Amino acid sequence: MNQPLSVIHSDKRQWLDKVHQQRKDRSLIIGIQTIDFLIEQGIPVTYHNISEHSKAFDKKGKGIHQNTIKRNEELHSHYQ
């Protein structure tokens, strides 16, 4: 009748891991583009400025949150 719970959990986990990686990659690309832009324009590189200006580099206009910069290790490394 029903599939074993472990199989369902495993399938959902793989899908979720893929989505998380896509979001992490998206945040990294937008964040790096934004930081580079701020440096070129002579604008202070702060969490707030990155968050505000990132909307211009996002196709959806959503941008990235300040906490995303802190949590994404690669992006935070580029920020520093």
PDB file of N, CA and C in Angstrom:
ATOM      1  N   MET A   1       0.817  -1.191   0.000  1.00  0.00           N
ATOM      2  CA  MET A   1       0.000   0.000   0.000  1.00  0.00           C
ATOM      3  C   MET A   1       0.864   1.260   0.000  1.00  0.00           C
ATOM      4  N   ASN A   2       1.319   1.639   1.156  1.00  0.00           N
ATOM      5  CA  ASN A   2       2.143   2.840   1.275  1.00  0.00           C
ATOM      6  C   ASN A   2       3.615   2.469   1.213  1.00  0.00           C
ATOM      7  N   GLN A   3       4.408   3.392   0.710  1.00  0.00           N
ATOM      8  CA  GLN A   3       5.845   3.172   0.680  1.00  0.00           C
ATOM      9  C   GLN A   3       6.404   3.319   2.094  1.00  0.00           C
ATOM     10  N   PRO A   4       7.504   2.649   2.351  1.00  0.00           N
ATOM     11  CA  PRO A   4       8.123   2.817   3.671  1.00  0.00           C
ATOM     12  C   PRO A   4       8.482   4.283   3.893  1.00  0.00           C
ATOM     13  N   LEU A   5       8.374   4.729   5.116  1.00  0.00           N
ATOM     14  CA  LEU A   5       8.606   6.125   5.463  1.00  0.00           C
ATOM     15  C   LEU A   5      10.018   6.570   5.119  1.00  0.00           C
ATOM     16  N   SER A   6      11.012   5.696   5.296  1.00  0.00           N
ATOM     17  CA  SER A   6      12.398   6.072   5.019  1.00  0.00           C
ATOM     18  C   SER A   6      12.612   6.408   3.540  1.00  0.00           C
ATOM     19  N   VAL A   7      11.930   5.730   2.636  1.00  0.00           N
ATOM     20  CA  VAL A   7      12.071   6.010   1.214  1.00  0.00           C
ATOM     21  C   VAL A   7      11.470   7.374   0.888  1.00  0.00           C
ATOM     22  N   ILE A   8      10.322   7.657   1.430  1.00  0.00           N
ATOM     23  CA  ILE A   8       9.681   8.947   1.201  1.00  0.00           C
ATOM     24  C   ILE A   8      10.558  10.054   1.766  1.00  0.00           C
ATOM     25  N   HIS A   9      11.072   9.862   2.958  1.00  0.00           N
ATOM     26  CA  HIS A   9      11.923  10.860   3.590  1.00  0.00           C
ATOM     27  C   HIS A   9      13.177  11.106   2.752  1.00  0.00           C
ATOM     28  N   SER A  10      13.779  10.049   2.248  1.00  0.00           N
ATOM     29  CA  SER A  10      14.996  10.153   1.453  1.00  0.00           C
ATOM     30  C   SER A  10      14.741  10.945   0.176  1.00  0.00           C
ATOM     31  N   ASP A  11      13.635  10.668  -0.493  1.00  0.00           N
ATOM     32  CA  ASP A  11      13.297  11.379  -1.719  1.00  0.00           C
ATOM     33  C   ASP A  11      13.079  12.856  -1.451  1.00  0.00           C
ATOM     34  N   LYS A  12      12.381  13.166  -0.394  1.00  0.00           N
ATOM     35  CA  LYS A  12      12.125  14.560  -0.060  1.00  0.00           C
ATOM     36  C   LYS A  12      13.421  15.269   0.320  1.00  0.00           C
ATOM     37  N   ARG A  13      14.298  14.571   0.992  1.00  0.00           N
ATOM     38  CA  ARG A  13      15.562  15.172   1.419  1.00  0.00           C
ATOM     39  C   ARG A  13      16.430  15.535   0.213  1.00  0.00           C
ATOM     40  N   GLN A  14      16.481  14.655  -0.785  1.00  0.00           N
ATOM     41  CA  GLN A  14      17.262  14.938  -1.985  1.00  0.00           C
ATOM     42  C   GLN A  14      16.708  16.162  -2.700  1.00  0.00           C
ATOM     43  N   TRP A  15      15.420  16.257  -2.810  1.00  0.00           N
ATOM     44  CA  TRP A  15      14.777  17.398  -3.451  1.00  0.00           C
ATOM     45  C   TRP A  15      15.067  18.671  -2.669  1.00  0.00           C
ATOM     46  N   LEU A  16      14.963  18.602  -1.357  1.00  0.00           N
ATOM     47  CA  LEU A  16      15.193  19.755  -0.512  1.00  0.00           C
ATOM     48  C   LEU A  16      16.649  20.208  -0.572  1.00  0.00           C
ATOM     49  N   ASP A  17      17.578  19.274  -0.568  1.00  0.00           N
ATOM     50  CA  ASP A  17      18.999  19.614  -0.681  1.00  0.00           C
ATOM     51  C   ASP A  17      19.276  20.347  -1.993  1.00  0.00           C
ATOM     52  N   LYS A  18      18.634  19.905  -3.062  1.00  0.00           N
ATOM     53  CA  LYS A  18      18.820  20.534  -4.366  1.00  0.00           C
ATOM     54  C   LYS A  18      18.306  21.976  -4.344  1.00  0.00           C
ATOM     55  N   VAL A  19      17.156  22.181  -3.754  1.00  0.00           N
ATOM     56  CA  VAL A  19      16.576  23.523  -3.667  1.00  0.00           C
ATOM     57  C   VAL A  19      17.463  24.431  -2.822  1.00  0.00           C
ATOM     58  N   HIS A  20      17.950  23.937  -1.693  1.00  0.00           N
ATOM     59  CA  HIS A  20      18.822  24.726  -0.830  1.00  0.00           C
ATOM     60  C   HIS A  20      20.107  25.118  -1.556  1.00  0.00           C
ATOM     61  N   GLN A  21      20.679  24.214  -2.318  1.00  0.00           N
ATOM     62  CA  GLN A  21      21.900  24.511  -3.059  1.00  0.00           C
ATOM     63  C   GLN A  21      21.651  25.569  -4.123  1.00  0.00           C
ATOM     64  N   GLN A  22      20.511  25.479  -4.805  1.00  0.00           N
ATOM     65  CA  GLN A  22      20.169  26.476  -5.820  1.00  0.00           C
ATOM     66  C   GLN A  22      20.022  27.857  -5.193  1.00  0.00           C
ATOM     67  N   ARG A  23      19.385  27.924  -4.040  1.00  0.00           N
ATOM     68  CA  ARG A  23      19.213  29.206  -3.352  1.00  0.00           C
ATOM     69  C   ARG A  23      20.546  29.757  -2.853  1.00  0.00           C
ATOM     70  N   LYS A  24      21.389  28.867  -2.376  1.00  0.00           N
ATOM     71  CA  LYS A  24      22.711  29.281  -1.898  1.00  0.00           C
ATOM     72  C   LYS A  24      23.533  29.843  -3.057  1.00  0.00           C
ATOM     73  N   ASP A  25      23.497  29.163  -4.192  1.00  0.00           N
ATOM     74  CA  ASP A  25      24.223  29.624  -5.373  1.00  0.00           C
ATOM     75  C   ASP A  25      23.687  30.971  -5.868  1.00  0.00           C
ATOM     76  N   ARG A  26      22.369  31.110  -5.872  1.00  0.00           N
ATOM     77  CA  ARG A  26      21.731  32.361  -6.287  1.00  0.00           C
ATOM     78  C   ARG A  26      22.181  33.504  -5.394  1.00  0.00           C
ATOM     79  N   SER A  27      22.150  33.279  -4.093  1.00  0.00           N
ATOM     80  CA  SER A  27      22.556  34.312  -3.138  1.00  0.00           C
ATOM     81  C   SER A  27      24.013  34.697  -3.323  1.00  0.00           C
ATOM     82  N   LEU A  28      24.855  33.709  -3.585  1.00  0.00           N
ATOM     83  CA  LEU A  28      26.281  33.960  -3.778  1.00  0.00           C
ATOM     84  C   LEU A  28      26.512  34.825  -5.013  1.00  0.00           C
ATOM     85  N   ILE A  29      25.889  34.477  -6.112  1.00  0.00           N
ATOM     86  CA  ILE A  29      26.066  35.228  -7.361  1.00  0.00           C
ATOM     87  C   ILE A  29      25.580  36.663  -7.198  1.00  0.00           C
ATOM     88  N   ILE A  30      24.378  36.832  -6.670  1.00  0.00           N
ATOM     89  CA  ILE A  30      23.822  38.174  -6.486  1.00  0.00           C
ATOM     90  C   ILE A  30      24.671  38.968  -5.506  1.00  0.00           C
ATOM     91  N   GLY A  31      25.095  38.336  -4.431  1.00  0.00           N
ATOM     92  CA  GLY A  31      25.890  39.020  -3.415  1.00  0.00           C
ATOM     93  C   GLY A  31      27.225  39.492  -3.954  1.00  0.00           C
ATOM     94  N   ILE A  32      27.912  38.653  -4.700  1.00  0.00           N
ATOM     95  CA  ILE A  32      29.208  39.034  -5.267  1.00  0.00           C
ATOM     96  C   ILE A  32      29.039  40.178  -6.262  1.00  0.00           C
ATOM     97  N   GLN A  33      28.028  40.090  -7.107  1.00  0.00           N
ATOM     98  CA  GLN A  33      27.776  41.166  -8.069  1.00  0.00           C
ATOM     99  C   GLN A  33      27.502  42.481  -7.340  1.00  0.00           C
ATOM    100  N   THR A  34      26.728  42.420  -6.277  1.00  0.00           N
ATOM    101  CA  THR A  34      26.376  43.615  -5.525  1.00  0.00           C
ATOM    102  C   THR A  34      27.594  44.214  -4.826  1.00  0.00           C
ATOM    103  N   ILE A  35      28.382  43.372  -4.171  1.00  0.00           N
ATOM    104  CA  ILE A  35      29.582  43.853  -3.471  1.00  0.00           C
ATOM    105  C   ILE A  35      30.538  44.506  -4.464  1.00  0.00           C
ATOM    106  N   ASP A  36      30.764  43.871  -5.594  1.00  0.00           N
ATOM    107  CA  ASP A  36      31.652  44.442  -6.609  1.00  0.00           C
ATOM    108  C   ASP A  36      31.125  45.783  -7.107  1.00  0.00           C
ATOM    109  N   PHE A  37      29.812  45.881  -7.294  1.00  0.00           N
ATOM    110  CA  PHE A  37      29.192  47.127  -7.720  1.00  0.00           C
ATOM    111  C   PHE A  37      29.398  48.226  -6.677  1.00  0.00           C
ATOM    112  N   LEU A  38      29.172  47.901  -5.418  1.00  0.00           N
ATOM    113  CA  LEU A  38      29.331  48.890  -4.358  1.00  0.00           C
ATOM    114  C   LEU A  38      30.768  49.412  -4.302  1.00  0.00           C
ATOM    115  N   ILE A  39      31.725  48.517  -4.452  1.00  0.00           N
ATOM    116  CA  ILE A  39      33.133  48.919  -4.437  1.00  0.00           C
ATOM    117  C   ILE A  39      33.436  49.843  -5.619  1.00  0.00           C
ATOM    118  N   GLU A  40      32.960  49.474  -6.793  1.00  0.00           N
ATOM    119  CA  GLU A  40      33.188  50.292  -7.991  1.00  0.00           C
ATOM    120  C   GLU A  40      32.588  51.688  -7.849  1.00  0.00           C
ATOM    121  N   GLN A  41      31.436  51.777  -7.195  1.00  0.00           N
ATOM    122  CA  GLN A  41      30.740  53.051  -7.050  1.00  0.00           C
ATOM    123  C   GLN A  41      31.229  53.853  -5.846  1.00  0.00           C
ATOM    124  N   GLY A  42      32.088  53.253  -5.032  1.00  0.00           N
ATOM    125  CA  GLY A  42      32.583  53.944  -3.841  1.00  0.00           C
ATOM    126  C   GLY A  42      31.566  54.019  -2.712  1.00  0.00           C
ATOM    127  N   ILE A  43      30.590  53.131  -2.750  1.00  0.00           N
ATOM    128  CA  ILE A  43      29.550  53.074  -1.716  1.00  0.00           C
ATOM    129  C   ILE A  43      30.045  52.138  -0.617  1.00  0.00           C
ATOM    130  N   PRO A  44      29.874  52.510   0.661  1.00  0.00           N
ATOM    131  CA  PRO A  44      30.320  51.625   1.752  1.00  0.00           C
ATOM    132  C   PRO A  44      29.682  50.238   1.637  1.00  0.00           C
ATOM    133  N   VAL A  45      30.502  49.223   1.823  1.00  0.00           N
ATOM    134  CA  VAL A  45      30.022  47.838   1.733  1.00  0.00           C
ATOM    135  C   VAL A  45      29.563  47.408   3.124  1.00  0.00           C
ATOM    136  N   THR A  46      28.255  47.541   3.346  1.00  0.00           N
ATOM    137  CA  THR A  46      27.652  47.144   4.613  1.00  0.00           C
ATOM    138  C   THR A  46      26.567  46.107   4.322  1.00  0.00           C
ATOM    139  N   TYR A  47      26.157  45.396   5.368  1.00  0.00           N
ATOM    140  CA  TYR A  47      25.070  44.421   5.185  1.00  0.00           C
ATOM    141  C   TYR A  47      23.823  45.107   4.628  1.00  0.00           C
ATOM    142  N   HIS A  48      23.521  46.271   5.155  1.00  0.00           N
ATOM    143  CA  HIS A  48      22.325  47.004   4.716  1.00  0.00           C
ATOM    144  C   HIS A  48      22.433  47.398   3.241  1.00  0.00           C
ATOM    145  N   ASN A  49      23.578  47.963   2.852  1.00  0.00           N
ATOM    146  CA  ASN A  49      23.738  48.388   1.458  1.00  0.00           C
ATOM    147  C   ASN A  49      23.706  47.201   0.500  1.00  0.00           C
ATOM    148  N   ILE A  50      24.320  46.099   0.893  1.00  0.00           N
ATOM    149  CA  ILE A  50      24.282  44.911   0.033  1.00  0.00           C
ATOM    150  C   ILE A  50      22.846  44.448  -0.141  1.00  0.00           C
ATOM    151  N   SER A  51      22.111  44.392   0.958  1.00  0.00           N
ATOM    152  CA  SER A  51      20.720  43.945   0.909  1.00  0.00           C
ATOM    153  C   SER A  51      19.879  44.863   0.022  1.00  0.00           C
ATOM    154  N   GLU A  52      20.044  46.160   0.170  1.00  0.00           N
ATOM    155  CA  GLU A  52      19.248  47.117  -0.614  1.00  0.00           C
ATOM    156  C   GLU A  52      19.602  47.088  -2.101  1.00  0.00           C
ATOM    157  N   HIS A  53      20.877  47.111  -2.420  1.00  0.00           N
ATOM    158  CA  HIS A  53      21.310  47.184  -3.818  1.00  0.00           C
ATOM    159  C   HIS A  53      21.205  45.840  -4.537  1.00  0.00           C
ATOM    160  N   SER A  54      21.124  44.745  -3.794  1.00  0.00           N
ATOM    161  CA  SER A  54      21.053  43.418  -4.429  1.00  0.00           C
ATOM    162  C   SER A  54      19.773  43.237  -5.228  1.00  0.00           C
ATOM    163  N   LYS A  55      18.762  43.997  -4.904  1.00  0.00           N
ATOM    164  CA  LYS A  55      17.488  43.888  -5.628  1.00  0.00           C
ATOM    165  C   LYS A  55      17.663  44.207  -7.110  1.00  0.00           C
ATOM    166  N   ALA A  56      18.607  45.092  -7.422  1.00  0.00           N
ATOM    167  CA  ALA A  56      18.845  45.471  -8.816  1.00  0.00           C
ATOM    168  C   ALA A  56      19.496  44.337  -9.609  1.00  0.00           C
ATOM    169  N   PHE A  57      20.162  43.412  -8.921  1.00  0.00           N
ATOM    170  CA  PHE A  57      20.856  42.314  -9.591  1.00  0.00           C
ATOM    171  C   PHE A  57      20.042  41.020  -9.599  1.00  0.00           C
ATOM    172  N   ASP A  58      18.874  41.050  -8.986  1.00  0.00           N
ATOM    173  CA  ASP A  58      18.013  39.880  -8.905  1.00  0.00           C
ATOM    174  C   ASP A  58      16.913  39.983  -9.957  1.00  0.00           C
ATOM    175  N   LYS A  59      16.764  38.940 -10.772  1.00  0.00           N
ATOM    176  CA  LYS A  59      15.741  38.943 -11.824  1.00  0.00           C
ATOM    177  C   LYS A  59      14.342  39.142 -11.249  1.00  0.00           C
ATOM    178  N   LYS A  60      14.118  38.610 -10.052  1.00  0.00           N
ATOM    179  CA  LYS A  60      12.813  38.729  -9.412  1.00  0.00           C
ATOM    180  C   LYS A  60      12.668  40.035  -8.625  1.00  0.00           C
ATOM    181  N   GLY A  61      13.772  40.780  -8.468  1.00  0.00           N
ATOM    182  CA  GLY A  61      13.739  42.033  -7.736  1.00  0.00           C
ATOM    183  C   GLY A  61      13.661  41.848  -6.231  1.00  0.00           C
ATOM    184  N   LYS A  62      13.883  40.639  -5.787  1.00  0.00           N
ATOM    185  CA  LYS A  62      13.745  40.300  -4.379  1.00  0.00           C
ATOM    186  C   LYS A  62      15.005  40.636  -3.578  1.00  0.00           C
ATOM    187  N   GLY A  63      16.165  40.414  -4.172  1.00  0.00           N
ATOM    188  CA  GLY A  63      17.429  40.667  -3.489  1.00  0.00           C
ATOM    189  C   GLY A  63      17.736  39.603  -2.453  1.00  0.00           C
ATOM    190  N   ILE A  64      18.709  39.907  -1.594  1.00  0.00           N
ATOM    191  CA  ILE A  64      19.085  38.978  -0.539  1.00  0.00           C
ATOM    192  C   ILE A  64      19.003  39.675   0.807  1.00  0.00           C
ATOM    193  N   HIS A  65      18.732  38.908   1.820  1.00  0.00           N
ATOM    194  CA  HIS A  65      18.583  39.426   3.178  1.00  0.00           C
ATOM    195  C   HIS A  65      19.953  39.572   3.828  1.00  0.00           C
ATOM    196  N   GLN A  66      20.051  40.474   4.777  1.00  0.00           N
ATOM    197  CA  GLN A  66      21.306  40.708   5.486  1.00  0.00           C
ATOM    198  C   GLN A  66      21.823  39.437   6.156  1.00  0.00           C
ATOM    199  N   ASN A  67      20.939  38.647   6.721  1.00  0.00           N
ATOM    200  CA  ASN A  67      21.356  37.410   7.389  1.00  0.00           C
ATOM    201  C   ASN A  67      21.910  36.383   6.403  1.00  0.00           C
ATOM    202  N   THR A  68      21.468  36.445   5.169  1.00  0.00           N
ATOM    203  CA  THR A  68      21.980  35.535   4.151  1.00  0.00           C
ATOM    204  C   THR A  68      23.467  35.770   3.940  1.00  0.00           C
ATOM    205  N   ILE A  69      23.884  37.003   3.999  1.00  0.00           N
ATOM    206  CA  ILE A  69      25.297  37.351   3.828  1.00  0.00           C
ATOM    207  C   ILE A  69      26.120  36.735   4.959  1.00  0.00           C
ATOM    208  N   LYS A  70      25.570  36.745   6.148  1.00  0.00           N
ATOM    209  CA  LYS A  70      26.272  36.203   7.319  1.00  0.00           C
ATOM    210  C   LYS A  70      26.307  34.676   7.302  1.00  0.00           C
ATOM    211  N   ARG A  71      25.244  34.052   6.833  1.00  0.00           N
ATOM    212  CA  ARG A  71      25.124  32.591   6.894  1.00  0.00           C
ATOM    213  C   ARG A  71      25.804  31.873   5.733  1.00  0.00           C
ATOM    214  N   ASN A  72      25.879  32.522   4.582  1.00  0.00           N
ATOM    215  CA  ASN A  72      26.503  31.916   3.415  1.00  0.00           C
ATOM    216  C   ASN A  72      28.015  32.126   3.540  1.00  0.00           C
ATOM    217  N   GLU A  73      28.742  31.060   3.847  1.00  0.00           N
ATOM    218  CA  GLU A  73      30.169  31.152   4.149  1.00  0.00           C
ATOM    219  C   GLU A  73      30.972  31.783   3.009  1.00  0.00           C
ATOM    220  N   GLU A  74      30.702  31.362   1.785  1.00  0.00           N
ATOM    221  CA  GLU A  74      31.437  31.896   0.634  1.00  0.00           C
ATOM    222  C   GLU A  74      31.150  33.377   0.444  1.00  0.00           C
ATOM    223  N   LEU A  75      29.896  33.760   0.577  1.00  0.00           N
ATOM    224  CA  LEU A  75      29.514  35.156   0.406  1.00  0.00           C
ATOM    225  C   LEU A  75      30.091  35.999   1.541  1.00  0.00           C
ATOM    226  N   HIS A  76      30.038  35.503   2.757  1.00  0.00           N
ATOM    227  CA  HIS A  76      30.589  36.254   3.885  1.00  0.00           C
ATOM    228  C   HIS A  76      32.093  36.428   3.730  1.00  0.00           C
ATOM    229  N   SER A  77      32.758  35.429   3.206  1.00  0.00           N
ATOM    230  CA  SER A  77      34.194  35.512   2.957  1.00  0.00           C
ATOM    231  C   SER A  77      34.485  36.618   1.929  1.00  0.00           C
ATOM    232  N   HIS A  78      33.688  36.686   0.877  1.00  0.00           N
ATOM    233  CA  HIS A  78      33.848  37.734  -0.137  1.00  0.00           C
ATOM    234  C   HIS A  78      33.551  39.105   0.471  1.00  0.00           C
ATOM    235  N   TYR A  79      32.589  39.165   1.347  1.00  0.00           N
ATOM    236  CA  TYR A  79      32.223  40.420   2.022  1.00  0.00           C
ATOM    237  C   TYR A  79      33.400  40.936   2.851  1.00  0.00           C
ATOM    238  N   GLN A  80      34.069  40.042   3.546  1.00  0.00           N
ATOM    239  CA  GLN A  80      35.183  40.453   4.405  1.00  0.00           C
ATOM    240  C   GLN A  80      36.358  40.886   3.558  1.00  0.00           C
TER     241      GLN A  80
END
